[in-house]
All heavy atoms as atom14 arrays in JSON, in Angstrom:
{
  "sequence": "LGYIPKLNRRKYAGIITAMDESIGKIMKALSD",
  "atom14_mask": [
    [1, 1, 1, 1, 1, 1, 1, 1, 0, 0, 0, 0, 0, 0],
    [1, 1, 1, 1, 0, 0, 0, 0, 0, 0, 0, 0, 0, 0],
    [1, 1, 1, 1, 1, 1, 1, 1, 1, 1, 1, 1, 0, 0],
    [1, 1, 1, 1, 1, 1, 1, 1, 0, 0, 0, 0, 0, 0],
    [1, 1, 1, 1, 1, 1, 1, 0, 0, 0, 0, 0, 0, 0],
    [1, 1, 1, 1, 1, 1, 1, 1, 1, 0, 0, 0, 0, 0],
    [1, 1, 1, 1, 1, 1, 1, 1, 0, 0, 0, 0, 0, 0],
    [1, 1, 1, 1, 1, 1, 1, 1, 0, 0, 0, 0, 0, 0],
    [1, 1, 1, 1, 1, 1, 1, 1, 1, 1, 1, 0, 0, 0],
    [1, 1, 1, 1, 1, 1, 1, 1, 1, 1, 1, 0, 0, 0],
    [1, 1, 1, 1, 1, 1, 1, 1, 1, 0, 0, 0, 0, 0],
    [1, 1, 1, 1, 1, 1, 1, 1, 1, 1, 1, 1, 0, 0],
    [1, 1, 1, 1, 1, 0, 0, 0, 0, 0, 0, 0, 0, 0],
    [1, 1, 1, 1, 0, 0, 0, 0, 0, 0, 0, 0, 0, 0],
    [1, 1, 1, 1, 1, 1, 1, 1, 0, 0, 0, 0, 0, 0],
    [1, 1, 1, 1, 1, 1, 1, 1, 0, 0, 0, 0, 0, 0],
    [1, 1, 1, 1, 1, 1, 1, 0, 0, 0, 0, 0, 0, 0],
    [1, 1, 1, 1, 1, 0, 0, 0, 0, 0, 0, 0, 0, 0],
    [1, 1, 1, 1, 1, 1, 1, 1, 0, 0, 0, 0, 0, 0],
    [1, 1, 1, 1, 1, 1, 1, 1, 0, 0, 0, 0, 0, 0],
    [1, 1, 1, 1, 1, 1, 1, 1, 1, 0, 0, 0, 0, 0],
    [1, 1, 1, 1, 1, 1, 0, 0, 0, 0, 0, 0, 0, 0],
    [1, 1, 1, 1, 1, 1, 1, 1, 0, 0, 0, 0, 0, 0],
    [1, 1, 1, 1, 0, 0, 0, 0, 0, 0, 0, 0, 0, 0],
    [1, 1, 1, 1, 1, 1, 1, 1, 1, 0, 0, 0, 0, 0],
    [1, 1, 1, 1, 1, 1, 1, 1, 0, 0, 0, 0, 0, 0],
    [1, 1, 1, 1, 1, 1, 1, 1, 0, 0, 0, 0, 0, 0],
    [1, 1, 1, 1, 1, 1, 1, 1, 1, 0, 0, 0, 0, 0],
    [1, 1, 1, 1, 1, 0, 0, 0, 0, 0, 0, 0, 0, 0],
    [1, 1, 1, 1, 1, 1, 1, 1, 0, 0, 0, 0, 0, 0],
    [1, 1, 1, 1, 1, 1, 0, 0, 0, 0, 0, 0, 0, 0],
    [1, 1, 1, 1, 1, 1, 1, 1, 0, 0, 0, 0, 0, 0]
  ],
  "atom14_positions": [
    [[0.82, -1.22, 0.0], [0.0, 0.0, 0.0], [0.85, 1.26, 0.0], [0.39, 2.34, 0.37], [-0.92, 0.0, 1.24], [-1.89, -1.18, 1.34], [-2.47, -1.28, 2.75], [-3.0, -1.05, 0.32], [0.0, 0.0, 0.0], [0.0, 0.0, 0.0], [0.0, 0.0, 0.0], [0.0, 0.0, 0.0], [0.0, 0.0, 0.0], [0.0, 0.0, 0.0]],
    [[2.1, 1.13, -0.43], [3.03, 2.25, -0.39], [2.64, 3.43, -1.25], [3.18, 4.53, -1.08], [0.0, 0.0, 0.0], [0.0, 0.0, 0.0], [0.0, 0.0, 0.0], [0.0, 0.0, 0.0], [0.0, 0.0, 0.0], [0.0, 0.0, 0.0], [0.0, 0.0, 0.0], [0.0, 0.0, 0.0], [0.0, 0.0, 0.0], [0.0, 0.0, 0.0]],
    [[1.69, 3.23, -2.16], [1.21, 4.34, -3.0], [0.4, 5.36, -2.22], [0.15, 6.46, -2.71], [0.39, 3.8, -4.18], [-0.77, 2.92, -3.77], [-1.99, 3.45, -3.39], [-0.63, 1.53, -3.78], [-3.06, 2.64, -3.01], [-1.67, 0.71, -3.4], [-2.89, 1.26, -3.02], [-3.92, 0.45, -2.64], [0.0, 0.0, 0.0], [0.0, 0.0, 0.0]],
    [[-0.04, 5.0, -1.01], [-0.8, 5.95, -0.17], [0.2, 6.84, 0.54], [0.94, 6.38, 1.41], [-1.69, 5.2, 0.84], [-2.67, 4.26, 0.11], [-2.46, 6.18, 1.72], [-3.53, 3.41, 1.01], [0.0, 0.0, 0.0], [0.0, 0.0, 0.0], [0.0, 0.0, 0.0], [0.0, 0.0, 0.0], [0.0, 0.0, 0.0], [0.0, 0.0, 0.0]],
    [[0.27, 8.13, 0.21], [1.36, 8.97, 0.72], [1.27, 9.29, 2.2], [2.28, 9.38, 2.88], [1.24, 10.25, -0.13], [-0.18, 10.27, -0.6], [-0.6, 8.85, -0.75], [0.0, 0.0, 0.0], [0.0, 0.0, 0.0], [0.0, 0.0, 0.0], [0.0, 0.0, 0.0], [0.0, 0.0, 0.0], [0.0, 0.0, 0.0], [0.0, 0.0, 0.0]],
    [[0.06, 9.46, 2.73], [-0.08, 9.83, 4.13], [0.06, 8.59, 4.99], [-0.72, 7.63, 4.87], [-1.42, 10.52, 4.35], [-1.55, 11.16, 5.73], [-2.76, 12.07, 5.8], [-2.53, 13.35, 5.03], [-3.59, 14.35, 5.24], [0.0, 0.0, 0.0], [0.0, 0.0, 0.0], [0.0, 0.0, 0.0], [0.0, 0.0, 0.0], [0.0, 0.0, 0.0]],
    [[1.03, 8.59, 5.9], [1.39, 7.4, 6.66], [0.21, 6.84, 7.44], [-0.04, 5.63, 7.43], [2.56, 7.7, 7.6], [3.01, 6.54, 8.49], [3.47, 5.35, 7.66], [4.12, 7.0, 9.44], [0.0, 0.0, 0.0], [0.0, 0.0, 0.0], [0.0, 0.0, 0.0], [0.0, 0.0, 0.0], [0.0, 0.0, 0.0], [0.0, 0.0, 0.0]],
    [[-0.52, 7.69, 8.15], [-1.61, 7.19, 8.98], [-2.75, 6.6, 8.15], [-3.39, 5.62, 8.55], [-2.14, 8.28, 9.89], [-1.23, 8.51, 11.08], [-0.56, 7.59, 11.54], [-1.18, 9.73, 11.59], [0.0, 0.0, 0.0], [0.0, 0.0, 0.0], [0.0, 0.0, 0.0], [0.0, 0.0, 0.0], [0.0, 0.0, 0.0], [0.0, 0.0, 0.0]],
    [[-3.02, 7.19, 6.99], [-4.02, 6.61, 6.09], [-3.54, 5.26, 5.57], [-4.32, 4.31, 5.44], [-4.32, 7.57, 4.94], [-5.31, 7.06, 3.9], [-6.71, 6.88, 4.47], [-7.65, 6.51, 3.42], [-8.87, 6.05, 3.64], [-9.32, 5.92, 4.87], [-9.65, 5.75, 2.62], [0.0, 0.0, 0.0], [0.0, 0.0, 0.0], [0.0, 0.0, 0.0]],
    [[-2.25, 5.14, 5.3], [-1.69, 3.87, 4.84], [-1.83, 2.8, 5.93], [-2.17, 1.65, 5.65], [-0.23, 4.06, 4.47], [0.38, 2.9, 3.68], [1.88, 3.08, 3.48], [2.2, 4.46, 3.15], [3.34, 5.06, 3.44], [4.29, 4.39, 4.1], [3.56, 6.3, 3.1], [0.0, 0.0, 0.0], [0.0, 0.0, 0.0], [0.0, 0.0, 0.0]],
    [[-1.55, 3.18, 7.18], [-1.72, 2.24, 8.28], [-3.18, 1.79, 8.41], [-3.47, 0.6, 8.6], [-1.26, 2.87, 9.6], [0.23, 3.08, 9.72], [0.56, 3.76, 11.05], [2.04, 3.97, 11.24], [2.34, 4.65, 12.52], [0.0, 0.0, 0.0], [0.0, 0.0, 0.0], [0.0, 0.0, 0.0], [0.0, 0.0, 0.0], [0.0, 0.0, 0.0]],
    [[-4.07, 2.77, 8.32], [-5.51, 2.43, 8.39], [-5.87, 1.45, 7.27], [-6.6, 0.48, 7.5], [-6.34, 3.71, 8.29], [-7.82, 3.46, 8.27], [-8.54, 3.32, 9.46], [-8.52, 3.34, 7.07], [-9.91, 3.08, 9.44], [-9.87, 3.1, 7.04], [-10.57, 2.97, 8.23], [-11.92, 2.72, 8.2], [0.0, 0.0, 0.0], [0.0, 0.0, 0.0]],
    [[-5.36, 1.7, 6.07], [-5.63, 0.8, 4.95], [-5.12, -0.61, 5.25], [-5.77, -1.61, 4.9], [-4.98, 1.34, 3.67], [0.0, 0.0, 0.0], [0.0, 0.0, 0.0], [0.0, 0.0, 0.0], [0.0, 0.0, 0.0], [0.0, 0.0, 0.0], [0.0, 0.0, 0.0], [0.0, 0.0, 0.0], [0.0, 0.0, 0.0], [0.0, 0.0, 0.0]],
    [[-3.97, -0.71, 5.91], [-3.45, -2.02, 6.3], [-4.37, -2.73, 7.27], [-4.54, -3.96, 7.2], [0.0, 0.0, 0.0], [0.0, 0.0, 0.0], [0.0, 0.0, 0.0], [0.0, 0.0, 0.0], [0.0, 0.0, 0.0], [0.0, 0.0, 0.0], [0.0, 0.0, 0.0], [0.0, 0.0, 0.0], [0.0, 0.0, 0.0], [0.0, 0.0, 0.0]],
    [[-4.96, -1.99, 8.19], [-5.92, -2.58, 9.14], [-7.13, -3.13, 8.4], [-7.62, -4.22, 8.7], [-6.33, -1.5, 10.18], [-5.15, -1.19, 11.11], [-7.55, -1.96, 10.97], [-5.38, 0.01, 12.0], [0.0, 0.0, 0.0], [0.0, 0.0, 0.0], [0.0, 0.0, 0.0], [0.0, 0.0, 0.0], [0.0, 0.0, 0.0], [0.0, 0.0, 0.0]],
    [[-7.62, -2.38, 7.41], [-8.81, -2.8, 6.67], [-8.51, -4.0, 5.77], [-9.32, -4.93, 5.67], [-9.37, -1.63, 5.84], [-9.86, -0.5, 6.76], [-10.49, -2.09, 4.91], [-10.98, -0.88, 7.71], [0.0, 0.0, 0.0], [0.0, 0.0, 0.0], [0.0, 0.0, 0.0], [0.0, 0.0, 0.0], [0.0, 0.0, 0.0], [0.0, 0.0, 0.0]],
    [[-7.36, -4.0, 5.11], [-7.05, -5.13, 4.22], [-6.88, -6.43, 5.01], [-7.23, -7.51, 4.52], [-5.79, -4.86, 3.37], [-4.7, -4.52, 4.23], [-6.03, -3.72, 2.39], [0.0, 0.0, 0.0], [0.0, 0.0, 0.0], [0.0, 0.0, 0.0], [0.0, 0.0, 0.0], [0.0, 0.0, 0.0], [0.0, 0.0, 0.0], [0.0, 0.0, 0.0]],
    [[-6.36, -6.35, 6.24], [-6.27, -7.55, 7.08], [-7.66, -8.08, 7.41], [-7.89, -9.3, 7.42], [-5.5, -7.24, 8.36], [0.0, 0.0, 0.0], [0.0, 0.0, 0.0], [0.0, 0.0, 0.0], [0.0, 0.0, 0.0], [0.0, 0.0, 0.0], [0.0, 0.0, 0.0], [0.0, 0.0, 0.0], [0.0, 0.0, 0.0], [0.0, 0.0, 0.0]],
    [[-8.6, -7.16, 7.68], [-9.98, -7.57, 7.95], [-10.59, -8.21, 6.71], [-11.3, -9.22, 6.8], [-10.79, -6.35, 8.39], [-12.22, -6.63, 8.81], [-13.37, -6.63, 7.42], [-13.17, -4.97, 6.81], [0.0, 0.0, 0.0], [0.0, 0.0, 0.0], [0.0, 0.0, 0.0], [0.0, 0.0, 0.0], [0.0, 0.0, 0.0], [0.0, 0.0, 0.0]],
    [[-10.31, -7.64, 5.53], [-10.83, -8.21, 4.29], [-10.32, -9.63, 4.08], [-11.08, -10.52, 3.64], [-10.45, -7.32, 3.11], [-11.05, -7.8, 1.8], [-12.25, -7.57, 1.58], [-10.31, -8.42, 1.01], [0.0, 0.0, 0.0], [0.0, 0.0, 0.0], [0.0, 0.0, 0.0], [0.0, 0.0, 0.0], [0.0, 0.0, 0.0], [0.0, 0.0, 0.0]],
    [[-9.06, -9.88, 4.38], [-8.5, -11.22, 4.25], [-9.26, -12.22, 5.13], [-9.49, -13.37, 4.73], [-7.02, -11.22, 4.66], [-6.1, -10.56, 3.67], [-4.67, -10.47, 4.21], [-4.35, -11.26, 5.12], [-3.92, -9.61, 3.73], [0.0, 0.0, 0.0], [0.0, 0.0, 0.0], [0.0, 0.0, 0.0], [0.0, 0.0, 0.0], [0.0, 0.0, 0.0]],
    [[-9.65, -11.77, 6.32], [-10.36, -12.68, 7.23], [-11.72, -13.08, 6.65], [-12.19, -14.2, 6.87], [-10.53, -12.03, 8.6], [-11.56, -11.06, 8.6], [0.0, 0.0, 0.0], [0.0, 0.0, 0.0], [0.0, 0.0, 0.0], [0.0, 0.0, 0.0], [0.0, 0.0, 0.0], [0.0, 0.0, 0.0], [0.0, 0.0, 0.0], [0.0, 0.0, 0.0]],
    [[-12.35, -12.19, 5.89], [-13.63, -12.53, 5.25], [-13.42, -13.67, 4.26], [-14.21, -14.62, 4.19], [-14.22, -11.3, 4.54], [-14.62, -10.23, 5.57], [-15.44, -11.68, 3.69], [-15.09, -8.92, 4.95], [0.0, 0.0, 0.0], [0.0, 0.0, 0.0], [0.0, 0.0, 0.0], [0.0, 0.0, 0.0], [0.0, 0.0, 0.0], [0.0, 0.0, 0.0]],
    [[-12.32, -13.59, 3.49], [-12.01, -14.65, 2.55], [-11.83, -16.0, 3.24], [-12.31, -17.04, 2.76], [0.0, 0.0, 0.0], [0.0, 0.0, 0.0], [0.0, 0.0, 0.0], [0.0, 0.0, 0.0], [0.0, 0.0, 0.0], [0.0, 0.0, 0.0], [0.0, 0.0, 0.0], [0.0, 0.0, 0.0], [0.0, 0.0, 0.0], [0.0, 0.0, 0.0]],
    [[-11.13, -16.01, 4.36], [-10.91, -17.26, 5.09], [-12.22, -17.83, 5.62], [-12.43, -19.05, 5.6], [-9.94, -17.01, 6.24], [-8.52, -16.67, 5.8], [-7.63, -16.35, 6.98], [-6.22, -15.97, 6.54], [-5.36, -15.6, 7.7], [0.0, 0.0, 0.0], [0.0, 0.0, 0.0], [0.0, 0.0, 0.0], [0.0, 0.0, 0.0], [0.0, 0.0, 0.0]],
    [[-13.08, -16.97, 6.1], [-14.38, -17.42, 6.63], [-15.24, -18.01, 5.5], [-15.87, -19.06, 5.66], [-15.09, -16.25, 7.32], [-14.35, -15.9, 8.63], [-16.56, -16.56, 7.59], [-14.68, -14.54, 9.18], [0.0, 0.0, 0.0], [0.0, 0.0, 0.0], [0.0, 0.0, 0.0], [0.0, 0.0, 0.0], [0.0, 0.0, 0.0], [0.0, 0.0, 0.0]],
    [[-15.24, -17.33, 4.35], [-16.02, -17.84, 3.21], [-15.47, -19.17, 2.71], [-16.23, -20.08, 2.35], [-16.03, -16.8, 2.1], [-16.81, -15.54, 2.43], [-18.59, -15.83, 2.59], [-19.02, -16.14, 0.87], [0.0, 0.0, 0.0], [0.0, 0.0, 0.0], [0.0, 0.0, 0.0], [0.0, 0.0, 0.0], [0.0, 0.0, 0.0], [0.0, 0.0, 0.0]],
    [[-14.16, -19.32, 2.69], [-13.56, -20.59, 2.28], [-13.94, -21.7, 3.23], [-14.27, -22.83, 2.8], [-12.04, -20.46, 2.2], [-11.34, -21.72, 1.7], [-9.83, -21.53, 1.63], [-9.16, -22.73, 0.94], [-9.46, -24.02, 1.61], [0.0, 0.0, 0.0], [0.0, 0.0, 0.0], [0.0, 0.0, 0.0], [0.0, 0.0, 0.0], [0.0, 0.0, 0.0]],
    [[-13.92, -21.41, 4.53], [-14.3, -22.42, 5.51], [-15.75, -22.85, 5.33], [-16.07, -24.05, 5.39], [-14.06, -21.89, 6.93], [0.0, 0.0, 0.0], [0.0, 0.0, 0.0], [0.0, 0.0, 0.0], [0.0, 0.0, 0.0], [0.0, 0.0, 0.0], [0.0, 0.0, 0.0], [0.0, 0.0, 0.0], [0.0, 0.0, 0.0], [0.0, 0.0, 0.0]],
    [[-16.65, -21.89, 5.1], [-18.06, -22.22, 4.87], [-18.21, -23.1, 3.63], [-19.02, -24.04, 3.61], [-18.88, -20.94, 4.72], [-19.11, -20.13, 5.99], [-19.69, -18.76, 5.65], [-20.04, -20.86, 6.96], [0.0, 0.0, 0.0], [0.0, 0.0, 0.0], [0.0, 0.0, 0.0], [0.0, 0.0, 0.0], [0.0, 0.0, 0.0], [0.0, 0.0, 0.0]],
    [[-17.44, -22.78, 2.59], [-17.5, -23.58, 1.37], [-16.94, -24.98, 1.59], [-17.56, -25.98, 1.2], [-16.72, -22.86, 0.27], [-16.65, -23.64, -0.91], [0.0, 0.0, 0.0], [0.0, 0.0, 0.0], [0.0, 0.0, 0.0], [0.0, 0.0, 0.0], [0.0, 0.0, 0.0], [0.0, 0.0, 0.0], [0.0, 0.0, 0.0], [0.0, 0.0, 0.0]],
    [[-15.79, -25.06, 2.23], [-15.15, -26.36, 2.47], [-16.04, -27.29, 3.29], [-16.04, -28.51, 3.09], [-13.82, -26.17, 3.2], [-12.74, -25.53, 2.33], [-12.95, -25.44, 1.1], [-11.7, -25.12, 2.89], [0.0, 0.0, 0.0], [0.0, 0.0, 0.0], [0.0, 0.0, 0.0], [0.0, 0.0, 0.0], [0.0, 0.0, 0.0], [0.0, 0.0, 0.0]]
  ]
}
């Protein structure tokens, strides 16, 4: 996410993308 110039906004984006990854894992588990 280095394209986001403002450091705190970049950190916030990192928090959100980690949450998004967890949705994928939950959906995979439901499918499996």
